[in-house]
């Protein structure tokens, strides 16, 4: 089974208030040193993994590269080409590999954007995921974003002119000042662009983002007082589901919608227990039996690379129970659901949990398959938690 490769580029021009990723707004002068360390990690990974008791996976087949983190769209064509060459030297990269870069609209929708898009295409990038979040200026400014709907449209034009038509757009339901009308405006503008993939997220509230922490403390900063109530956010999400489905997008995962045949090959690996290998700050890996993760600190990562010390935690082999649990809480994220096997239907506690979720309207069962209902998507965390310990 071909693996996916994740490359973390945790640099941003500024930190968005809703962001809970391990990224930093720091001087771009440090970026070349980080990219050099990233290439070094890739080249040394076989030896490092063997030292940690893992197979080296030398020449393992790979059919996707996903560059995320902060804002990989800051990279130029030469930097991208070097990273892709590093992966090709380490893994057996398939000729039709999906190579995705995350970007902000202003990376390619402003002056010089056409040239940058052409550089990306020449380097091998064939898919771009844009963190748009909203098409409404007031909402964007409230969370620290600088683009406009016009910037997004121009970015799409530049990408298509460069030969990159596989474009994804992210939207967030629940931003400060968002209303039913403004959410409709964002959906209308996104659909008008005709991109083949859209991701719709509901605002996450946790201490790892400035906005989330302020909401938990019931404070006024970062537009927290203007965040829509939870029930409104749920309605925005349901409205997006209906709009996108009626426009030919398949709802293939909780937050992801795609035109037929345009689902993200890389992201599907996370939900189907396929292997993936991550490089860079806070990158995670799974080889089918073990999970491990890199440090979430840029400074610790750079120091670990230079001193040839371990930059990732001790790989942990999953037990059979843990693997079965993951089959439920990862597999159920996909809207097609999962097939029950004989161990599921012979486990009285499992059958009782499934029946309880069906009675709550969270799961539906058809023959030997279970899947989340639309209502169950909203309560997915509760559904997943119910299967822990009994899978």
Protein backbone atom coordinates (compact mmCIF):
# COMPACT_ATOMS: atom_id res chain seq x y z
CA UNK A 1 0.00 0.00 0.00
CA UNK A 2 1.46 3.36 -1.03
CA UNK A 3 2.15 5.79 1.81
CA UNK A 4 1.41 9.48 2.14
CA UNK A 5 4.15 11.97 3.03
CA UNK A 6 3.44 15.03 5.20
CA UNK A 7 5.86 17.97 5.33
CA UNK A 8 5.36 20.57 8.05
CA UNK A 9 6.24 24.19 7.26
CA UNK A 10 5.29 25.92 10.56
CA UNK A 11 6.02 29.53 9.50
CA UNK A 12 3.32 32.22 9.13
CA UNK A 13 3.31 35.94 8.50
CA UNK A 14 1.03 36.26 11.50
CA UNK A 15 -0.92 33.89 13.73
CA UNK A 16 -4.66 33.81 13.04
CA UNK A 17 -6.73 34.08 16.21
CA UNK A 18 -8.58 30.79 15.60
CA UNK A 19 -5.44 28.76 14.80
CA UNK A 20 -4.49 25.94 17.18
CA UNK A 21 -1.67 24.45 15.08
CA UNK A 22 2.01 24.28 16.09
CA UNK A 23 2.98 27.18 13.83
CA UNK A 24 4.71 30.45 14.62
CA UNK A 25 4.89 33.97 13.25
CA UNK A 26 8.65 34.35 13.12
CA UNK A 27 11.24 35.97 10.88
CA UNK A 28 11.43 34.38 7.43
CA UNK A 29 15.21 34.66 7.70
CA UNK A 30 15.02 31.43 9.73
CA UNK A 31 13.16 29.57 6.96
CA UNK A 32 16.23 28.44 4.96
CA UNK A 33 17.75 26.87 8.09
CA UNK A 34 14.49 25.08 8.78
CA UNK A 35 14.22 23.76 5.21
CA UNK A 36 17.79 22.52 5.42
CA UNK A 37 16.92 20.68 8.65
CA UNK A 38 13.80 19.24 7.04
CA UNK A 39 15.80 17.83 4.12
CA UNK A 40 18.32 16.44 6.60
CA UNK A 41 15.58 14.70 8.57
CA UNK A 42 14.17 13.13 5.41
CA UNK A 43 17.60 11.88 4.32
CA UNK A 44 18.44 10.49 7.76
CA UNK A 45 15.02 9.06 8.55
CA UNK A 46 15.86 5.48 7.60
CA UNK A 47 18.77 5.32 10.07
CA UNK A 48 16.84 7.19 12.78
CA UNK A 49 13.83 4.92 12.46
CA UNK A 50 15.99 1.80 12.58
CA UNK A 51 17.66 3.11 15.76
CA UNK A 52 14.19 3.53 17.26
CA UNK A 53 13.30 -0.08 16.46
CA UNK A 54 11.32 0.65 13.32
CA UNK A 55 11.93 -0.77 9.86
CA UNK A 56 13.82 1.66 7.66
CA UNK A 57 11.17 1.67 4.90
CA UNK A 58 13.92 2.36 2.41
CA UNK A 59 12.36 2.98 -1.00
CA UNK A 60 8.82 2.56 0.32
CA UNK A 61 6.20 3.51 -2.30
CA UNK A 62 4.42 6.85 -1.83
CA UNK A 63 1.62 8.40 -3.87
CA UNK A 64 0.96 11.68 -2.08
CA UNK A 65 2.85 14.60 -0.57
CA UNK A 66 1.02 17.16 1.54
CA UNK A 67 2.81 20.34 2.62
CA UNK A 68 1.02 22.00 5.52
CA UNK A 69 1.70 23.46 8.92
CA UNK A 70 1.67 27.18 8.87
CA UNK A 71 1.90 28.58 5.35
CA UNK A 72 3.93 26.52 2.85
CA UNK A 73 2.67 28.95 0.21
CA UNK A 74 5.53 31.19 1.33
CA UNK A 75 7.99 28.87 -0.42
CA UNK A 76 9.31 29.59 -3.89
CA UNK A 77 9.64 27.12 -6.72
CA UNK A 78 13.25 26.23 -6.00
CA UNK A 79 12.53 25.47 -2.34
CA UNK A 80 9.56 23.30 -3.26
CA UNK A 81 11.53 21.46 -5.93
CA UNK A 82 14.29 20.64 -3.42
CA UNK A 83 11.80 19.24 -0.91
CA UNK A 84 10.08 17.09 -3.52
CA UNK A 85 13.47 15.84 -4.73
CA UNK A 86 14.36 14.95 -1.13
CA UNK A 87 11.23 12.83 -0.89
CA UNK A 88 11.87 11.23 -4.28
CA UNK A 89 15.38 10.27 -3.16
CA UNK A 90 14.05 8.65 0.01
CA UNK A 91 10.81 7.06 -1.17
CA UNK A 92 9.58 5.54 -4.40
CA UNK A 93 7.31 8.42 -5.45
CA UNK A 94 4.72 7.32 -7.99
CA UNK A 95 4.58 9.31 -11.26
CA UNK A 96 0.96 10.35 -10.72
CA UNK A 97 1.46 11.30 -7.06
CA UNK A 98 -0.88 13.93 -5.63
CA UNK A 99 1.35 16.80 -4.46
CA UNK A 100 -0.54 19.36 -2.38
CA UNK A 101 0.57 22.66 -0.92
CA UNK A 102 -1.43 24.67 1.60
CA UNK A 103 -1.51 28.37 0.84
CA UNK A 104 -3.09 31.65 1.82
CA UNK A 105 -4.95 33.42 -1.00
CA UNK A 106 -2.56 36.38 -0.87
CA UNK A 107 0.39 34.05 -1.62
CA UNK A 108 -0.82 33.73 -5.22
CA UNK A 109 -3.67 36.21 -5.57
CA UNK A 110 -1.60 39.36 -5.28
CA UNK A 111 1.24 40.91 -7.28
CA UNK A 112 3.64 38.23 -8.48
CA UNK A 113 1.07 35.52 -7.86
CA UNK A 114 0.96 34.30 -11.45
CA UNK A 115 4.73 33.79 -11.46
CA UNK A 116 4.64 31.99 -8.10
CA UNK A 117 1.85 29.67 -9.29
CA UNK A 118 3.88 28.84 -12.40
CA UNK A 119 6.92 28.08 -10.22
CA UNK A 120 4.85 25.72 -8.05
CA UNK A 121 3.56 23.86 -11.10
CA UNK A 122 7.06 23.55 -12.54
CA UNK A 123 8.28 22.14 -9.21
CA UNK A 124 5.64 19.38 -9.37
CA UNK A 125 2.77 20.76 -7.29
CA UNK A 126 -0.58 19.65 -8.77
CA UNK A 127 -3.01 20.46 -5.95
CA UNK A 128 -3.45 23.60 -3.80
CA UNK A 129 -5.48 23.86 -0.60
CA UNK A 130 -6.32 27.48 0.23
CA UNK A 131 -7.16 28.64 3.73
CA UNK A 132 -9.90 31.06 2.74
CA UNK A 133 -12.16 30.68 5.84
CA UNK A 134 -14.56 33.45 4.73
CA UNK A 135 -15.40 35.63 1.75
CA UNK A 136 -16.64 38.46 3.98
CA UNK A 137 -14.13 41.18 4.79
CA UNK A 138 -15.43 42.01 8.26
CA UNK A 139 -15.11 38.39 9.37
CA UNK A 140 -11.64 38.05 7.85
CA UNK A 141 -10.28 41.17 9.55
CA UNK A 142 -11.71 40.05 12.89
CA UNK A 143 -9.48 36.96 12.87
CA UNK A 144 -6.38 38.59 11.38
CA UNK A 145 -6.69 37.58 7.71
CA UNK A 146 -5.65 40.03 5.00
CA UNK A 147 -7.22 38.72 1.79
CA UNK A 148 -10.57 39.52 0.17
CA UNK A 149 -12.99 37.56 -2.00
CA UNK A 150 -11.35 39.21 -5.03
CA UNK A 151 -7.95 37.93 -3.89
CA UNK A 152 -9.33 34.38 -3.73
CA UNK A 153 -10.78 34.63 -7.25
CA UNK A 154 -7.48 35.98 -8.60
CA UNK A 155 -5.56 33.18 -6.88
CA UNK A 156 -7.79 30.57 -8.55
CA UNK A 157 -7.23 32.24 -11.92
CA UNK A 158 -3.45 32.21 -11.47
CA UNK A 159 -3.44 28.55 -10.47
CA UNK A 160 -5.56 27.48 -13.42
CA UNK A 161 -3.42 29.49 -15.83
CA UNK A 162 -0.42 27.60 -14.43
CA UNK A 163 -2.14 24.28 -15.09
CA UNK A 164 -3.20 23.57 -11.47
CA UNK A 165 -6.96 22.96 -11.55
CA UNK A 166 -7.15 20.71 -8.47
CA UNK A 167 -7.98 23.45 -5.96
CA UNK A 168 -9.52 23.15 -2.49
CA UNK A 169 -11.01 25.95 -0.39
CA UNK A 170 -11.45 25.93 3.41
CA UNK A 171 -14.37 27.72 5.09
CA UNK A 172 -15.09 28.09 8.82
CA UNK A 173 -18.59 28.27 10.27
CA UNK A 174 -18.66 30.33 13.45
CA UNK A 175 -16.24 33.21 12.87
CA UNK A 176 -16.84 36.50 14.74
CA UNK A 177 -19.65 38.62 13.20
CA UNK A 178 -20.85 35.75 11.03
CA UNK A 179 -24.58 35.68 10.29
CA UNK A 180 -26.81 33.45 8.22
CA UNK A 181 -26.65 36.07 5.46
CA UNK A 182 -22.86 36.42 5.51
CA UNK A 183 -22.42 32.64 5.60
CA UNK A 184 -24.63 32.43 2.52
CA UNK A 185 -22.42 35.07 0.88
CA UNK A 186 -19.29 32.98 1.54
CA UNK A 187 -20.89 29.80 0.21
CA UNK A 188 -22.19 31.58 -2.91
CA UNK A 189 -18.76 33.08 -3.64
CA UNK A 190 -16.97 29.76 -3.09
CA UNK A 191 -19.37 27.85 -5.32
CA UNK A 192 -19.07 30.48 -8.04
CA UNK A 193 -15.36 29.68 -8.30
CA UNK A 194 -16.15 26.10 -9.32
CA UNK A 195 -13.29 24.53 -7.37
CA UNK A 196 -13.48 20.71 -7.15
CA UNK A 197 -13.03 20.47 -3.37
CA UNK A 198 -14.29 22.38 -0.33
CA UNK A 199 -13.70 21.81 3.37
CA UNK A 200 -16.18 23.18 5.91
CA UNK A 201 -15.12 23.33 9.55
CA UNK A 202 -17.02 24.44 12.60
CA UNK A 203 -15.01 26.82 14.81
CA UNK A 204 -12.94 24.84 17.32
CA UNK A 205 -12.98 26.17 20.87
CA UNK A 206 -9.93 25.16 22.90
CA UNK A 207 -7.06 26.74 24.83
CA UNK A 208 -4.62 26.25 21.97
CA UNK A 209 -5.91 29.26 20.05
CA UNK A 210 -6.25 32.85 21.22
CA UNK A 211 -9.90 33.05 20.19
CA UNK A 212 -10.73 29.65 21.67
CA UNK A 213 -9.07 30.49 24.97
CA UNK A 214 -10.92 33.81 25.13
CA UNK A 215 -14.25 32.08 24.50
CA UNK A 216 -13.57 29.58 27.28
CA UNK A 217 -12.84 32.48 29.65
CA UNK A 218 -15.91 34.38 28.42
CA UNK A 219 -13.66 37.33 27.59
CA UNK A 220 -14.19 40.09 25.00
CA UNK A 221 -10.92 40.00 23.04
CA UNK A 222 -10.33 38.72 19.48
CA UNK A 223 -14.00 39.22 18.61
CA UNK A 224 -15.08 36.52 21.06
CA UNK A 225 -18.22 38.45 21.95
CA UNK A 226 -19.27 38.43 18.29
CA UNK A 227 -18.97 34.66 17.76
CA UNK A 228 -22.38 33.22 16.79
CA UNK A 229 -24.12 30.94 19.32
CA UNK A 230 -23.47 27.22 19.00
CA UNK A 231 -26.91 26.43 17.63
CA UNK A 232 -26.39 28.99 14.84
CA UNK A 233 -23.03 27.47 13.93
CA UNK A 234 -24.68 24.06 13.66
CA UNK A 235 -27.33 25.54 11.35
CA UNK A 236 -24.59 27.11 9.20
CA UNK A 237 -22.94 23.71 8.86
CA UNK A 238 -26.20 21.96 7.93
CA UNK A 239 -26.92 24.68 5.39
CA UNK A 240 -23.48 24.16 3.83
CA UNK A 241 -24.12 20.41 3.62
CA UNK A 242 -27.37 20.98 1.75
CA UNK A 243 -25.93 23.62 -0.60
CA UNK A 244 -22.85 21.62 -1.52
CA UNK A 245 -24.75 18.37 -1.99
CA UNK A 246 -27.27 20.11 -4.27
CA UNK A 247 -24.36 21.46 -6.32
CA UNK A 248 -22.89 18.03 -7.00
CA UNK A 249 -20.33 17.79 -4.19
CA UNK A 250 -20.07 14.45 -2.42
CA UNK A 251 -19.85 14.70 1.36
CA UNK A 252 -17.15 12.06 1.78
CA UNK A 253 -15.85 12.97 5.25
CA UNK A 254 -17.22 15.01 8.16
CA UNK A 255 -15.60 18.26 7.00
CA UNK A 256 -14.85 17.51 3.35
CA UNK A 257 -16.84 17.78 0.12
CA UNK A 258 -15.61 16.96 -3.37
CA UNK A 259 -16.82 16.71 -6.91
CA UNK A 260 -16.88 13.06 -8.05
CA UNK A 261 -13.36 11.63 -8.17
CA UNK A 262 -11.76 14.72 -6.56
CA UNK A 263 -11.45 13.65 -2.91
CA UNK A 264 -8.09 14.30 -1.29
CA UNK A 265 -5.99 11.17 -1.82
CA UNK A 266 -3.65 12.16 0.99
CA UNK A 267 -6.26 12.92 3.65
CA UNK A 268 -8.09 9.68 2.93
CA UNK A 269 -5.01 7.87 4.27
CA UNK A 270 -5.64 9.25 7.77
CA UNK A 271 -9.16 7.83 7.89
CA UNK A 272 -8.48 4.46 6.28
CA UNK A 273 -5.45 3.46 8.40
CA UNK A 274 -3.10 3.68 5.42
CA UNK A 275 0.56 4.44 6.25
CA UNK A 276 1.85 8.00 6.27
CA UNK A 277 5.16 9.51 7.28
CA UNK A 278 5.54 13.04 8.62
CA UNK A 279 8.61 15.27 8.62
CA UNK A 280 9.12 18.60 10.35
CA UNK A 281 7.73 20.23 13.48
CA UNK A 282 4.75 18.44 15.05
CA UNK A 283 4.56 15.98 12.15
CA UNK A 284 2.94 12.61 12.92
CA UNK A 285 3.61 9.18 11.41
CA UNK A 286 1.85 5.82 11.23
CA UNK A 287 3.29 2.73 9.57
CA UNK A 288 0.32 0.42 10.04
CA UNK A 289 1.39 -0.73 13.51
CA UNK A 290 3.26 2.14 15.21
CA UNK A 291 2.54 5.81 15.80
CA UNK A 292 5.10 8.51 16.58
CA UNK A 293 5.32 12.31 16.43
CA UNK A 294 8.01 14.97 16.16
CA UNK A 295 8.58 17.73 18.69
CA UNK A 296 6.15 20.66 18.38
CA UNK A 297 8.86 23.29 18.95
CA UNK A 298 10.82 24.82 16.05
CA UNK A 299 13.81 25.51 18.30
CA UNK A 300 13.86 21.97 19.70
CA UNK A 301 13.55 20.57 16.20
CA UNK A 302 16.49 22.59 14.87
CA UNK A 303 18.65 21.70 17.89
CA UNK A 304 17.74 18.01 17.61
CA UNK A 305 18.67 17.90 13.94
CA UNK A 306 22.07 19.54 14.50
CA UNK A 307 23.02 17.32 17.44
CA UNK A 308 21.70 14.16 15.73
CA UNK A 309 19.50 13.46 18.73
CA UNK A 310 16.00 12.12 18.47
CA UNK A 311 13.45 14.72 17.39
CA UNK A 312 10.48 12.38 17.75
CA UNK A 313 8.90 10.60 20.69
CA UNK A 314 9.33 6.87 21.19
CA UNK A 315 7.31 4.98 18.58
CA UNK A 316 4.41 3.14 20.16
CA UNK A 317 2.99 -0.10 18.82
CA UNK A 318 -0.80 -0.08 18.89
CA UNK A 319 -2.53 -2.95 20.61
CA UNK A 320 -5.21 -4.92 18.80
CA UNK A 321 -7.81 -3.11 20.92
CA UNK A 322 -6.42 0.31 20.00
CA UNK A 323 -6.37 -0.57 16.31
CA UNK A 324 -10.00 -1.63 16.49
CA UNK A 325 -10.89 1.58 18.35
CA UNK A 326 -9.21 3.63 15.63
CA UNK A 327 -11.16 1.71 13.02
CA UNK A 328 -14.31 3.16 14.56
CA UNK A 329 -13.35 6.73 15.42
CA UNK A 330 -11.36 7.27 12.22
CA UNK A 331 -13.42 5.15 9.84
CA UNK A 332 -16.72 6.65 10.98
CA UNK A 333 -15.48 10.09 9.96
CA UNK A 334 -15.99 8.96 6.38
CA UNK A 335 -19.62 9.37 5.39
CA UNK A 336 -19.75 5.92 3.80
CA UNK A 337 -19.10 4.46 7.27
CA UNK A 338 -17.53 1.13 8.15
CA UNK A 339 -18.38 -2.53 7.69
CA UNK A 340 -18.97 -4.54 10.84
CA UNK A 341 -17.02 -7.79 11.17
CA UNK A 342 -17.84 -10.93 13.12
CA UNK A 343 -16.04 -9.65 16.24
CA UNK A 344 -18.30 -6.58 16.29
CA UNK A 345 -21.59 -8.45 16.03
CA UNK A 346 -20.46 -11.10 18.52
CA UNK A 347 -19.55 -8.46 21.13
CA UNK A 348 -22.65 -7.79 23.24
CA UNK A 349 -21.28 -4.49 24.58
CA UNK A 350 -20.49 -3.32 21.06
CA UNK A 351 -23.95 -4.24 19.78
CA UNK A 352 -25.52 -2.39 22.72
CA UNK A 353 -23.46 0.75 21.97
CA UNK A 354 -24.39 0.64 18.29
CA UNK A 355 -28.08 0.23 19.15
CA UNK A 356 -27.87 3.12 21.62
CA UNK A 357 -26.41 5.40 18.93
CA UNK A 358 -29.11 4.28 16.50
CA UNK A 359 -31.79 5.08 19.08
CA UNK A 360 -30.25 8.54 19.57
CA UNK A 361 -30.38 9.16 15.82
CA UNK A 362 -26.60 9.41 15.59
CA UNK A 363 -25.91 6.25 13.58
CA UNK A 364 -27.81 4.36 10.92
CA UNK A 365 -27.26 0.73 10.00
CA UNK A 366 -27.78 -0.83 6.61
CA UNK A 367 -27.03 -4.53 6.51
CA UNK A 368 -23.50 -5.00 7.74
CA UNK A 369 -22.51 -1.33 7.57
CA UNK A 370 -22.92 1.56 10.02
CA UNK A 371 -22.48 5.25 9.30
CA UNK A 372 -23.06 8.59 10.98
CA UNK A 373 -26.34 10.32 10.22
CA UNK A 374 -26.32 14.03 9.44
CA UNK A 375 -27.41 14.60 13.05
CA UNK A 376 -24.69 12.24 14.24
CA UNK A 377 -22.00 14.30 12.53
CA UNK A 378 -22.65 17.09 15.03
CA UNK A 379 -22.29 14.64 17.92
CA UNK A 380 -19.42 12.68 16.39
CA UNK A 381 -17.12 13.17 19.39
CA UNK A 382 -19.76 11.62 21.66
CA UNK A 383 -20.21 8.75 19.20
CA UNK A 384 -16.48 8.08 19.00
CA UNK A 385 -16.03 8.23 22.78
CA UNK A 386 -18.76 5.63 23.21
CA UNK A 387 -16.75 3.03 21.32
CA UNK A 388 -13.52 3.53 23.30
CA UNK A 389 -12.73 0.61 25.54
CA UNK A 390 -15.18 -1.79 23.92
CA UNK A 391 -13.80 -2.02 20.38
